[in-house]
Amino acid sequence: MTTISLQARARARVKNEIELRPQLVSDALRLFALGIAAFLIYVLMLGALQYNRAQDVAYDKIRGELAEATAPLGPGVVPGDPVAVLDIPGLGIRQVIKEGTTGAILQDGPGHRSDTALPGQAGVSVIYGRGLTFGAPFRSVPKLAAGSRIDVVTGQGQFGYRVIGVRRAGDPLPAAPANGASRLTLVTAEGTPLPSATVYLDAELFEGQVQPDPGQRISRVPQSQQALGTDLSGVLPLVLWLEALIVAVAAIVWFRSRVGKWESYLLGAPIVLALLWRVFEQVAGLLPNLV
């Protein structure tokens, strides 16, 4: 009887394990789908709130620097610092431009490509902006018609540009600006459902005096700061935040088995949400910078 009973228990245990596996797979898939949905909510909705907050802070800073004549004018600007204010009346857009074009910087607003002149200076000034996530400041830029006005304010004054055209892959490049002239190029991404094609809008200075190019800037930004570039420096922080999230979830499970369900959720939910936010920040930083 004892041998038969042990065999029956063993068979029952194996049966339970077999029945449990589909349930575990189903739970894992549901959890994965929930994570994807939560991430989309973060980059498309909550990210816009984060973006608006960053713009408000940057505008306060650049406004003070413009008033005190201390706004940056040339190379050596700290990445992420505001350098100009961009105004596109036809689209109702007013944005603070920051220095740099990494994915993390473009989460807070348009970014100035560091190997190009600042707006208003002689040469071509290139500004990147996202087309889908984190407020999507440049989503409507490709719709600007030729002749539309773009205004930029920097520490060297106010400059008015007139759009000369929009170009995409395969389109001819505009002629190089004449010696001493200034051009502004806005760069973003477009496509459905996810932006994957780079689009450029070129504008020529027609109002304001061109400022000299100070030179001494870097010769070329790294691949991660070029159009649709991806910055992989966030991989290690992502791994660390994921480990912290796993530890927190395991602690909640352990706490629940010894104290109670609601008590563990009440204490653990804020911690998990904070860690999940950090994880989403790191994942978003791995997205192509124009998306």
Protein backbone atom coordinates (compact mmCIF):
# COMPACT_ATOMS: atom_id res chain seq x y z
CA MET A 1 0.00 0.00 0.00
CA THR A 2 2.80 2.37 0.85
CA THR A 3 4.52 1.88 -2.52
CA ILE A 4 1.23 2.35 -4.37
CA SER A 5 0.48 5.48 -2.38
CA LEU A 6 3.90 6.99 -3.14
CA GLN A 7 3.49 6.25 -6.83
CA ALA A 8 0.07 7.86 -6.85
CA ARG A 9 1.43 10.94 -5.17
CA ALA A 10 4.28 11.12 -7.64
CA ARG A 11 1.90 10.84 -10.57
CA ALA A 12 -0.33 13.52 -9.08
CA ARG A 13 2.64 15.83 -8.60
CA VAL A 14 3.78 15.35 -12.19
CA LYS A 15 0.24 15.96 -13.41
CA ASN A 16 0.02 19.18 -11.41
CA GLU A 17 3.34 20.37 -12.78
CA ILE A 18 2.22 19.66 -16.35
CA GLU A 19 -1.03 21.51 -15.78
CA LEU A 20 0.82 24.40 -14.15
CA ARG A 21 3.19 25.03 -17.06
CA PRO A 22 0.58 26.44 -19.49
CA GLN A 23 -0.70 28.64 -16.70
CA LEU A 24 2.79 29.98 -16.03
CA VAL A 25 3.31 30.65 -19.74
CA SER A 26 -0.06 32.40 -19.92
CA ASP A 27 0.74 34.52 -16.87
CA ALA A 28 4.15 35.41 -18.29
CA LEU A 29 2.62 36.49 -21.61
CA ARG A 30 -0.01 38.59 -19.85
CA LEU A 31 2.67 40.21 -17.70
CA PHE A 32 4.78 40.92 -20.79
CA ALA A 33 1.81 42.48 -22.61
CA LEU A 34 1.03 44.57 -19.54
CA GLY A 35 4.64 45.76 -19.44
CA ILE A 36 4.55 46.76 -23.12
CA ALA A 37 1.28 48.64 -22.60
CA ALA A 38 2.68 50.42 -19.54
CA PHE A 39 5.82 51.40 -21.47
CA LEU A 40 3.75 52.85 -24.32
CA ILE A 41 1.74 54.85 -21.82
CA TYR A 42 5.00 56.13 -20.37
CA VAL A 43 6.63 57.28 -23.64
CA LEU A 44 3.45 58.58 -25.29
CA MET A 45 1.59 60.13 -22.35
CA LEU A 46 3.59 60.35 -19.14
CA GLY A 47 6.71 61.14 -21.15
CA ALA A 48 4.94 64.21 -22.54
CA LEU A 49 4.36 65.46 -18.99
CA GLN A 50 8.03 64.87 -18.18
CA TYR A 51 8.96 66.69 -21.39
CA ASN A 52 6.77 69.71 -20.59
CA ARG A 53 8.29 69.96 -17.13
CA ALA A 54 11.83 69.84 -18.56
CA GLN A 55 10.92 72.55 -21.08
CA ASP A 56 9.58 74.82 -18.33
CA VAL A 57 12.79 74.46 -16.34
CA ALA A 58 14.96 75.01 -19.44
CA TYR A 59 12.96 78.09 -20.46
CA ASP A 60 13.40 79.68 -17.03
CA LYS A 61 17.14 79.06 -17.27
CA ILE A 62 17.66 80.35 -20.82
CA ARG A 63 15.44 83.39 -20.17
CA GLY A 64 17.65 84.37 -17.24
CA GLU A 65 20.83 83.83 -19.27
CA LEU A 66 19.49 85.88 -22.17
CA ALA A 67 18.56 88.71 -19.80
CA GLU A 68 22.02 88.64 -18.21
CA ALA A 69 23.84 88.16 -21.56
CA THR A 70 25.41 84.92 -20.34
CA ALA A 71 23.79 82.48 -22.80
CA PRO A 72 26.33 80.15 -24.50
CA LEU A 73 27.67 81.38 -27.84
CA GLY A 74 30.03 78.71 -29.08
CA PRO A 75 31.74 75.34 -28.61
CA GLY A 76 32.22 73.76 -25.21
CA VAL A 77 28.60 74.00 -24.09
CA VAL A 78 27.70 71.40 -21.46
CA PRO A 79 25.46 68.73 -23.06
CA GLY A 80 21.87 69.25 -21.98
CA ASP A 81 22.24 72.99 -21.32
CA PRO A 82 19.79 75.29 -23.17
CA VAL A 83 21.31 77.27 -26.04
CA ALA A 84 18.37 78.87 -27.87
CA VAL A 85 14.62 79.33 -28.12
CA LEU A 86 12.90 78.09 -31.30
CA ASP A 87 9.59 79.61 -32.41
CA ILE A 88 7.55 78.32 -35.38
CA PRO A 89 4.45 80.52 -35.62
CA GLY A 90 2.81 78.43 -38.36
CA LEU A 91 2.73 75.40 -36.05
CA GLY A 92 2.27 77.20 -32.74
CA ILE A 93 5.55 75.73 -31.53
CA ARG A 94 7.91 77.37 -29.04
CA GLN A 95 10.68 75.10 -27.80
CA VAL A 96 13.92 75.47 -25.88
CA ILE A 97 16.83 73.96 -27.79
CA LYS A 98 19.38 72.08 -25.72
CA GLU A 99 22.95 71.20 -26.55
CA GLY A 100 23.44 67.63 -27.80
CA THR A 101 21.43 65.04 -29.69
CA THR A 102 21.56 61.89 -27.56
CA GLY A 103 18.29 60.09 -26.93
CA ALA A 104 18.30 61.20 -23.29
CA ILE A 105 18.72 64.89 -24.19
CA LEU A 106 16.00 64.73 -26.86
CA GLN A 107 13.58 63.41 -24.25
CA ASP A 108 13.57 66.96 -22.85
CA GLY A 109 13.28 68.89 -26.12
CA PRO A 110 14.97 69.62 -29.46
CA GLY A 111 18.76 69.32 -29.46
CA HIS A 112 21.53 71.17 -31.26
CA ARG A 113 23.98 68.91 -33.07
CA SER A 114 27.32 69.80 -31.52
CA ASP A 115 29.40 69.58 -34.69
CA THR A 116 27.40 72.35 -36.38
CA ALA A 117 27.13 76.12 -35.91
CA LEU A 118 24.62 77.60 -33.50
CA PRO A 119 21.54 79.22 -35.06
CA GLY A 120 22.36 82.67 -36.39
CA GLN A 121 26.01 81.87 -36.99
CA ALA A 122 27.61 81.44 -40.41
CA GLY A 123 27.20 77.92 -41.77
CA VAL A 124 24.56 75.26 -41.24
CA SER A 125 22.95 74.78 -37.83
CA VAL A 126 21.32 71.37 -37.35
CA ILE A 127 18.54 70.82 -34.79
CA TYR A 128 17.09 67.40 -33.97
CA GLY A 129 13.63 66.77 -32.52
CA ARG A 130 11.51 63.69 -31.80
CA GLY A 131 8.60 62.80 -34.05
CA LEU A 132 6.57 60.44 -31.83
CA THR A 133 7.52 60.16 -28.17
CA PHE A 134 8.16 62.61 -25.31
CA GLY A 135 5.96 65.40 -26.59
CA ALA A 136 6.95 64.84 -30.25
CA PRO A 137 7.97 68.51 -30.73
CA PHE A 138 8.87 68.07 -34.42
CA ARG A 139 5.95 65.82 -35.43
CA SER A 140 4.39 68.53 -37.62
CA VAL A 141 7.63 70.06 -38.91
CA PRO A 142 7.50 68.15 -42.26
CA LYS A 143 4.14 69.84 -42.95
CA LEU A 144 5.68 73.33 -43.05
CA ALA A 145 5.28 74.92 -46.47
CA ALA A 146 8.05 76.73 -48.31
CA GLY A 147 8.15 80.35 -47.23
CA SER A 148 7.05 79.63 -43.64
CA ARG A 149 8.83 81.60 -40.96
CA ILE A 150 11.02 80.21 -38.17
CA ASP A 151 12.42 82.44 -35.42
CA VAL A 152 15.35 81.60 -33.18
CA VAL A 153 16.66 83.58 -30.21
CA THR A 154 20.20 82.97 -28.93
CA GLY A 155 22.68 84.92 -26.84
CA GLN A 156 23.68 86.72 -30.06
CA GLY A 157 20.21 88.04 -30.90
CA GLN A 158 17.03 87.11 -32.76
CA PHE A 159 17.14 85.55 -36.21
CA GLY A 160 14.39 84.97 -38.75
CA TYR A 161 14.56 82.04 -41.17
CA ARG A 162 12.40 81.26 -44.20
CA VAL A 163 11.71 77.62 -45.12
CA ILE A 164 13.10 76.68 -48.53
CA GLY A 165 11.95 73.06 -48.62
CA VAL A 166 11.55 69.63 -47.05
CA ARG A 167 13.68 66.70 -48.21
CA ARG A 168 13.81 62.97 -47.58
CA ALA A 169 16.07 60.07 -48.50
CA GLY A 170 16.99 60.27 -52.17
CA ASP A 171 16.09 63.94 -52.59
CA PRO A 172 18.84 66.26 -53.85
CA LEU A 173 20.71 68.26 -51.25
CA PRO A 174 20.29 72.04 -51.37
CA ALA A 175 23.25 74.07 -52.58
CA ALA A 176 25.76 74.89 -49.86
CA PRO A 177 25.03 78.25 -48.23
CA ALA A 178 26.98 81.14 -49.65
CA ASN A 179 30.09 82.23 -47.80
CA GLY A 180 29.00 84.02 -44.63
CA ALA A 181 25.34 82.92 -44.95
CA SER A 182 23.37 81.02 -42.28
CA ARG A 183 21.08 78.04 -42.75
CA LEU A 184 18.90 76.17 -40.27
CA THR A 185 18.10 72.49 -40.75
CA LEU A 186 15.46 70.81 -38.59
CA VAL A 187 15.68 67.01 -38.50
CA THR A 188 13.08 64.51 -37.32
CA ALA A 189 11.68 61.06 -38.15
CA GLU A 190 8.41 60.06 -39.79
CA GLY A 191 6.61 56.83 -40.63
CA THR A 192 3.71 54.60 -39.57
CA PRO A 193 3.24 53.03 -37.08
CA LEU A 194 6.78 53.84 -35.89
CA PRO A 195 8.91 56.64 -37.36
CA SER A 196 11.80 55.06 -39.22
CA ALA A 197 12.65 57.51 -42.02
CA THR A 198 14.63 60.71 -41.52
CA VAL A 199 13.15 63.95 -42.86
CA TYR A 200 14.93 67.31 -43.14
CA LEU A 201 13.57 70.86 -43.34
CA ASP A 202 15.92 73.57 -44.58
CA ALA A 203 15.52 77.30 -43.94
CA GLU A 204 17.62 80.30 -44.95
CA LEU A 205 18.29 83.32 -42.76
CA PHE A 206 16.54 86.43 -44.06
CA GLU A 207 16.24 88.58 -40.95
CA GLY A 208 19.04 89.38 -38.54
CA GLN A 209 22.77 89.81 -38.99
CA VAL A 210 24.81 86.65 -39.44
CA GLN A 211 27.22 86.08 -36.58
CA PRO A 212 30.76 84.79 -37.17
CA ASP A 213 31.44 81.09 -36.75
CA PRO A 214 33.70 80.71 -33.66
CA GLY A 215 35.00 77.35 -34.88
CA GLN A 216 36.84 74.94 -32.54
CA ARG A 217 33.86 72.60 -32.39
CA ILE A 218 34.20 68.83 -32.67
CA SER A 219 34.67 67.52 -36.21
CA ARG A 220 31.84 64.96 -36.06
CA VAL A 221 29.48 63.66 -33.41
CA PRO A 222 29.53 59.90 -32.65
CA GLN A 223 27.04 57.57 -34.31
CA SER A 224 24.80 57.58 -31.24
CA GLN A 225 24.19 61.33 -31.72
CA GLN A 226 23.50 61.20 -35.44
CA ALA A 227 20.04 60.85 -36.99
CA LEU A 228 18.20 57.79 -35.59
CA GLY A 229 21.26 56.96 -33.50
CA THR A 230 20.99 54.73 -30.45
CA ASP A 231 22.95 55.32 -27.25
CA LEU A 232 23.87 51.98 -25.66
CA SER A 233 25.45 53.53 -22.58
CA GLY A 234 22.18 52.95 -20.74
CA VAL A 235 22.35 49.15 -20.99
CA LEU A 236 24.26 48.67 -17.73
CA PRO A 237 21.99 51.00 -15.70
CA LEU A 238 19.00 49.18 -17.22
CA VAL A 239 20.34 45.83 -16.00
CA LEU A 240 20.93 47.23 -12.52
CA TRP A 241 17.44 48.76 -12.28
CA LEU A 242 15.90 45.50 -13.52
CA GLU A 243 17.77 43.59 -10.82
CA ALA A 244 16.50 46.04 -8.22
CA LEU A 245 12.95 45.59 -9.53
CA ILE A 246 13.22 41.79 -9.34
CA VAL A 247 14.52 41.99 -5.78
CA ALA A 248 11.65 44.30 -4.81
CA VAL A 249 9.03 41.99 -6.33
CA ALA A 250 10.60 38.97 -4.59
CA ALA A 251 10.55 40.87 -1.29
CA ILE A 252 6.86 41.67 -1.73
CA VAL A 253 6.08 38.00 -2.41
CA TRP A 254 8.02 36.96 0.70
CA PHE A 255 6.39 39.68 2.80
CA ARG A 256 2.93 38.69 1.58
CA SER A 257 3.36 35.09 2.69
CA ARG A 258 4.26 36.17 6.22
CA VAL A 259 2.31 39.36 6.89
CA GLY A 260 -0.60 39.73 4.50
CA LYS A 261 -1.58 40.58 0.96
CA TRP A 262 -2.82 44.13 1.42
CA GLU A 263 -0.05 45.13 3.79
CA SER A 264 2.60 43.94 1.35
CA TYR A 265 0.95 45.73 -1.58
CA LEU A 266 0.56 48.94 0.40
CA LEU A 267 4.24 48.99 1.32
CA GLY A 268 5.64 47.57 -1.90
CA ALA A 269 3.58 49.28 -4.61
CA PRO A 270 5.30 52.72 -4.36
CA ILE A 271 8.72 51.07 -4.47
CA VAL A 272 7.83 48.93 -7.48
CA LEU A 273 6.33 51.88 -9.34
CA ALA A 274 9.42 54.01 -8.71
CA LEU A 275 11.72 51.24 -9.92
CA LEU A 276 9.48 50.57 -12.92
CA TRP A 277 9.70 54.26 -13.85
CA ARG A 278 13.49 54.04 -13.74
CA VAL A 279 13.43 50.93 -15.92
CA PHE A 280 11.20 52.68 -18.47
CA GLU A 281 13.54 55.70 -18.50
CA GLN A 282 16.49 53.47 -19.34
CA VAL A 283 14.58 51.54 -22.02
CA ALA A 284 13.39 54.81 -23.58
CA GLY A 285 16.99 56.00 -23.67
CA LEU A 286 17.79 53.04 -25.94
CA LEU A 287 15.24 54.12 -28.54
CA PRO A 288 16.49 55.88 -31.70
CA ASN A 289 16.92 59.53 -30.79
CA LEU A 290 14.42 60.92 -33.34
CA VAL A 291 11.55 58.54 -32.54
